[in-house]
Each structure stands twice: as structure tokens, then as C-alpha cells.
Amino acid sequence: MKEMYKTYYKAGEFDAEFIRFTVKYMPAFGLTPLDYEEITGQNWPKEQATT
């Protein structure tokens, strides 16, 4: 799954936000925050407190 997402990211089909959403809200796909960092080359975004 990670290789597929990496290919789509490099092709411009998926953006970093889409991959972050997949990691966070669709755990059945098996992607982790470390996979996000490997695919996008970006650090995992820090969650901001909403009060």
C-alpha cells in the first residue's frame, strides 16, 4: 500500500494532506505517520489544540 501511495504522490495524484487524512482516519490501510514522512519527505504535522 505504501508504494502505491508513494507513486501517486510523486505523480501529483495525491497531496500530503490526503495522505495525512488516510493515515489518521483510515487505519485499515496500514499506513503510519512514519510512512507519511517517507512518502512525502515532510514531518508528521503536530496536532493543534482546539479549545
PDB file of N, CA and C in Angstrom:
ATOM      1  N   MET A   1       0.836  -1.185   0.000  1.00  0.00           N
ATOM      2  CA  MET A   1       0.000   0.000   0.000  1.00  0.00           C
ATOM      3  C   MET A   1       0.881   1.248   0.000  1.00  0.00           C
ATOM      4  N   LYS A   2       1.959   1.209   0.789  1.00  0.00           N
ATOM      5  CA  LYS A   2       2.830   2.378   0.891  1.00  0.00           C
ATOM      6  C   LYS A   2       3.428   2.735  -0.457  1.00  0.00           C
ATOM      7  N   GLU A   3       3.856   1.735  -1.219  1.00  0.00           N
ATOM      8  CA  GLU A   3       4.463   2.003  -2.529  1.00  0.00           C
ATOM      9  C   GLU A   3       3.458   2.626  -3.491  1.00  0.00           C
ATOM     10  N   MET A   4       2.206   2.180  -3.416  1.00  0.00           N
ATOM     11  CA  MET A   4       1.178   2.753  -4.280  1.00  0.00           C
ATOM     12  C   MET A   4       0.971   4.233  -3.952  1.00  0.00           C
ATOM     13  N   TYR A   5       0.872   4.541  -2.659  1.00  0.00           N
ATOM     14  CA  TYR A   5       0.683   5.929  -2.259  1.00  0.00           C
ATOM     15  C   TYR A   5       1.891   6.775  -2.647  1.00  0.00           C
ATOM     16  N   LYS A   6       3.076   6.209  -2.518  1.00  0.00           N
ATOM     17  CA  LYS A   6       4.299   6.920  -2.884  1.00  0.00           C
ATOM     18  C   LYS A   6       4.293   7.253  -4.375  1.00  0.00           C
ATOM     19  N   THR A   7       3.881   6.304  -5.201  1.00  0.00           N
ATOM     20  CA  THR A   7       3.811   6.515  -6.643  1.00  0.00           C
ATOM     21  C   THR A   7       2.806   7.603  -6.982  1.00  0.00           C
ATOM     22  N   TYR A   8       1.630   7.543  -6.385  1.00  0.00           N
ATOM     23  CA  TYR A   8       0.602   8.551  -6.653  1.00  0.00           C
ATOM     24  C   TYR A   8       1.036   9.932  -6.157  1.00  0.00           C
ATOM     25  N   TYR A   9       1.734   9.979  -5.035  1.00  0.00           N
ATOM     26  CA  TYR A   9       2.221  11.265  -4.504  1.00  0.00           C
ATOM     27  C   TYR A   9       3.236  11.881  -5.466  1.00  0.00           C
ATOM     28  N   LYS A  10       4.165  11.075  -5.931  1.00  0.00           N
ATOM     29  CA  LYS A  10       5.186  11.574  -6.864  1.00  0.00           C
ATOM     30  C   LYS A  10       4.566  12.016  -8.185  1.00  0.00           C
ATOM     31  N   ALA A  11       3.494  11.352  -8.598  1.00  0.00           N
ATOM     32  CA  ALA A  11       2.816  11.706  -9.852  1.00  0.00           C
ATOM     33  C   ALA A  11       1.908  12.924  -9.693  1.00  0.00           C
ATOM     34  N   GLY A  12       1.710  13.363  -8.445  1.00  0.00           N
ATOM     35  CA  GLY A  12       0.853  14.514  -8.202  1.00  0.00           C
ATOM     36  C   GLY A  12      -0.617  14.184  -8.061  1.00  0.00           C
ATOM     37  N   GLU A  13      -0.937  12.909  -8.018  1.00  0.00           N
ATOM     38  CA  GLU A  13      -2.338  12.494  -7.881  1.00  0.00           C
ATOM     39  C   GLU A  13      -2.848  12.674  -6.452  1.00  0.00           C
ATOM     40  N   PHE A  14      -1.980  12.441  -5.469  1.00  0.00           N
ATOM     41  CA  PHE A  14      -2.325  12.625  -4.061  1.00  0.00           C
ATOM     42  C   PHE A  14      -1.456  13.732  -3.504  1.00  0.00           C
ATOM     43  N   ASP A  15      -2.032  14.565  -2.643  1.00  0.00           N
ATOM     44  CA  ASP A  15      -1.217  15.567  -1.958  1.00  0.00           C
ATOM     45  C   ASP A  15      -0.950  15.101  -0.521  1.00  0.00           C
ATOM     46  N   ALA A  16      -0.082  15.810   0.167  1.00  0.00           N
ATOM     47  CA  ALA A  16       0.309  15.416   1.524  1.00  0.00           C
ATOM     48  C   ALA A  16      -0.885  15.391   2.468  1.00  0.00           C
ATOM     49  N   GLU A  17      -1.814  16.317   2.300  1.00  0.00           N
ATOM     50  CA  GLU A  17      -2.989  16.365   3.171  1.00  0.00           C
ATOM     51  C   GLU A  17      -3.850  15.109   3.007  1.00  0.00           C
ATOM     52  N   PHE A  18      -3.989  14.639   1.780  1.00  0.00           N
ATOM     53  CA  PHE A  18      -4.767  13.425   1.533  1.00  0.00           C
ATOM     54  C   PHE A  18      -4.118  12.220   2.212  1.00  0.00           C
ATOM     55  N   ILE A  19      -2.799  12.136   2.123  1.00  0.00           N
ATOM     56  CA  ILE A  19      -2.089  11.020   2.749  1.00  0.00           C
ATOM     57  C   ILE A  19      -2.192  11.111   4.269  1.00  0.00           C
ATOM     58  N   ARG A  20      -2.093  12.331   4.823  1.00  0.00           N
ATOM     59  CA  ARG A  20      -2.253  12.513   6.278  1.00  0.00           C
ATOM     60  C   ARG A  20      -3.646  12.062   6.713  1.00  0.00           C
ATOM     61  N   PHE A  21      -4.664  12.434   5.946  1.00  0.00           N
ATOM     62  CA  PHE A  21      -6.031  12.042   6.245  1.00  0.00           C
ATOM     63  C   PHE A  21      -6.159  10.516   6.249  1.00  0.00           C
ATOM     64  N   THR A  22      -5.552   9.877   5.258  1.00  0.00           N
ATOM     65  CA  THR A  22      -5.614   8.417   5.162  1.00  0.00           C
ATOM     66  C   THR A  22      -4.950   7.764   6.370  1.00  0.00           C
ATOM     67  N   VAL A  23      -3.793   8.257   6.763  1.00  0.00           N
ATOM     68  CA  VAL A  23      -3.089   7.691   7.925  1.00  0.00           C
ATOM     69  C   VAL A  23      -3.933   7.864   9.186  1.00  0.00           C
ATOM     70  N   LYS A  24      -4.500   9.038   9.345  1.00  0.00           N
ATOM     71  CA  LYS A  24      -5.206   9.365  10.584  1.00  0.00           C
ATOM     72  C   LYS A  24      -6.583   8.702  10.694  1.00  0.00           C
ATOM     73  N   TYR A  25      -7.352   8.709   9.601  1.00  0.00           N
ATOM     74  CA  TYR A  25      -8.749   8.284   9.691  1.00  0.00           C
ATOM     75  C   TYR A  25      -9.051   6.935   9.039  1.00  0.00           C
ATOM     76  N   MET A  26      -8.081   6.336   8.371  1.00  0.00           N
ATOM     77  CA  MET A  26      -8.327   5.047   7.727  1.00  0.00           C
ATOM     78  C   MET A  26      -7.225   4.052   8.106  1.00  0.00           C
ATOM     79  N   PRO A  27      -7.184   3.644   9.379  1.00  0.00           N
ATOM     80  CA  PRO A  27      -6.102   2.765   9.833  1.00  0.00           C
ATOM     81  C   PRO A  27      -6.102   1.398   9.147  1.00  0.00           C
ATOM     82  N   ALA A  28      -7.205   0.994   8.547  1.00  0.00           N
ATOM     83  CA  ALA A  28      -7.258  -0.297   7.866  1.00  0.00           C
ATOM     84  C   ALA A  28      -6.290  -0.360   6.685  1.00  0.00           C
ATOM     85  N   PHE A  29      -5.878   0.799   6.165  1.00  0.00           N
ATOM     86  CA  PHE A  29      -4.928   0.814   5.060  1.00  0.00           C
ATOM     87  C   PHE A  29      -3.507   0.523   5.525  1.00  0.00           C
ATOM     88  N   GLY A  30      -3.269   0.566   6.825  1.00  0.00           N
ATOM     89  CA  GLY A  30      -1.994   0.160   7.376  1.00  0.00           C
ATOM     90  C   GLY A  30      -0.865   1.167   7.242  1.00  0.00           C
ATOM     91  N   LEU A  31      -1.168   2.408   6.920  1.00  0.00           N
ATOM     92  CA  LEU A  31      -0.124   3.435   6.839  1.00  0.00           C
ATOM     93  C   LEU A  31       0.084   4.061   8.211  1.00  0.00           C
ATOM     94  N   THR A  32       1.313   4.437   8.519  1.00  0.00           N
ATOM     95  CA  THR A  32       1.651   5.039   9.805  1.00  0.00           C
ATOM     96  C   THR A  32       2.211   6.437   9.574  1.00  0.00           C
ATOM     97  N   PRO A  33       2.336   7.228  10.640  1.00  0.00           N
ATOM     98  CA  PRO A  33       2.976   8.537  10.486  1.00  0.00           C
ATOM     99  C   PRO A  33       4.393   8.434   9.907  1.00  0.00           C
ATOM    100  N   LEU A  34       5.109   7.366  10.210  1.00  0.00           N
ATOM    101  CA  LEU A  34       6.446   7.196   9.625  1.00  0.00           C
ATOM    102  C   LEU A  34       6.353   6.959   8.117  1.00  0.00           C
ATOM    103  N   ASP A  35       5.323   6.249   7.684  1.00  0.00           N
ATOM    104  CA  ASP A  35       5.114   6.072   6.242  1.00  0.00           C
ATOM    105  C   ASP A  35       4.825   7.414   5.587  1.00  0.00           C
ATOM    106  N   TYR A  36       4.008   8.232   6.250  1.00  0.00           N
ATOM    107  CA  TYR A  36       3.711   9.574   5.741  1.00  0.00           C
ATOM    108  C   TYR A  36       5.005  10.348   5.514  1.00  0.00           C
ATOM    109  N   GLU A  37       5.899  10.308   6.498  1.00  0.00           N
ATOM    110  CA  GLU A  37       7.163  11.043   6.391  1.00  0.00           C
ATOM    111  C   GLU A  37       8.019  10.493   5.260  1.00  0.00           C
ATOM    112  N   GLU A  38       8.016   9.170   5.077  1.00  0.00           N
ATOM    113  CA  GLU A  38       8.800   8.578   3.997  1.00  0.00           C
ATOM    114  C   GLU A  38       8.219   8.930   2.627  1.00  0.00           C
ATOM    115  N   ILE A  39       6.903   8.899   2.500  1.00  0.00           N
ATOM    116  CA  ILE A  39       6.252   9.174   1.220  1.00  0.00           C
ATOM    117  C   ILE A  39       6.405  10.636   0.823  1.00  0.00           C
ATOM    118  N   THR A  40       6.130  11.545   1.768  1.00  0.00           N
ATOM    119  CA  THR A  40       6.089  12.969   1.428  1.00  0.00           C
ATOM    120  C   THR A  40       7.412  13.692   1.650  1.00  0.00           C
ATOM    121  N   GLY A  41       8.272  13.142   2.484  1.00  0.00           N
ATOM    122  CA  GLY A  41       9.514  13.839   2.820  1.00  0.00           C
ATOM    123  C   GLY A  41       9.291  14.972   3.809  1.00  0.00           C
ATOM    124  N   GLN A  42       8.094  15.023   4.394  1.00  0.00           N
ATOM    125  CA  GLN A  42       7.735  16.055   5.371  1.00  0.00           C
ATOM    126  C   GLN A  42       7.559  15.405   6.740  1.00  0.00           C
ATOM    127  N   ASN A  43       7.755  16.203   7.784  1.00  0.00           N
ATOM    128  CA  ASN A  43       7.469  15.712   9.135  1.00  0.00           C
ATOM    129  C   ASN A  43       5.973  15.574   9.326  1.00  0.00           C
ATOM    130  N   TRP A  44       5.586  14.648  10.210  1.00  0.00           N
ATOM    131  CA  TRP A  44       4.177  14.479  10.564  1.00  0.00           C
ATOM    132  C   TRP A  44       3.703  15.764  11.228  1.00  0.00           C
ATOM    133  N   PRO A  45       2.605  16.359  10.759  1.00  0.00           N
ATOM    134  CA  PRO A  45       2.138  17.619  11.349  1.00  0.00           C
ATOM    135  C   PRO A  45       1.753  17.462  12.819  1.00  0.00           C
ATOM    136  N   LYS A  46       2.111  18.437  13.606  1.00  0.00           N
ATOM    137  CA  LYS A  46       1.738  18.427  15.021  1.00  0.00           C
ATOM    138  C   LYS A  46       0.273  18.838  15.126  1.00  0.00           C
ATOM    139  N   GLU A  47      -0.432  18.157  16.022  1.00  0.00           N
ATOM    140  CA  GLU A  47      -1.843  18.477  16.248  1.00  0.00           C
ATOM    141  C   GLU A  47      -1.935  19.783  17.034  1.00  0.00           C
ATOM    142  N   GLN A  48      -2.834  20.633  16.624  1.00  0.00           N
ATOM    143  CA  GLN A  48      -3.039  21.887  17.350  1.00  0.00           C
ATOM    144  C   GLN A  48      -4.240  21.732  18.257  1.00  0.00           C
ATOM    145  N   ALA A  49      -4.081  22.197  19.470  1.00  0.00           N
ATOM    146  CA  ALA A  49      -5.170  22.137  20.443  1.00  0.00           C
ATOM    147  C   ALA A  49      -6.294  23.070  20.018  1.00  0.00           C
ATOM    148  N   THR A  50      -7.510  22.577  20.096  1.00  0.00           N
ATOM    149  CA  THR A  50      -8.678  23.403  19.777  1.00  0.00           C
ATOM    150  C   THR A  50      -9.481  23.558  21.051  1.00  0.00           C
ATOM    151  N   THR A  51      -9.388  24.734  21.656  1.00  0.00           N
ATOM    152  CA  THR A  51     -10.114  24.958  22.913  1.00  0.00           C
ATOM    153  C   THR A  51     -11.077  26.093  22.761  1.00  0.00           C
TER     154      THR A  51
END
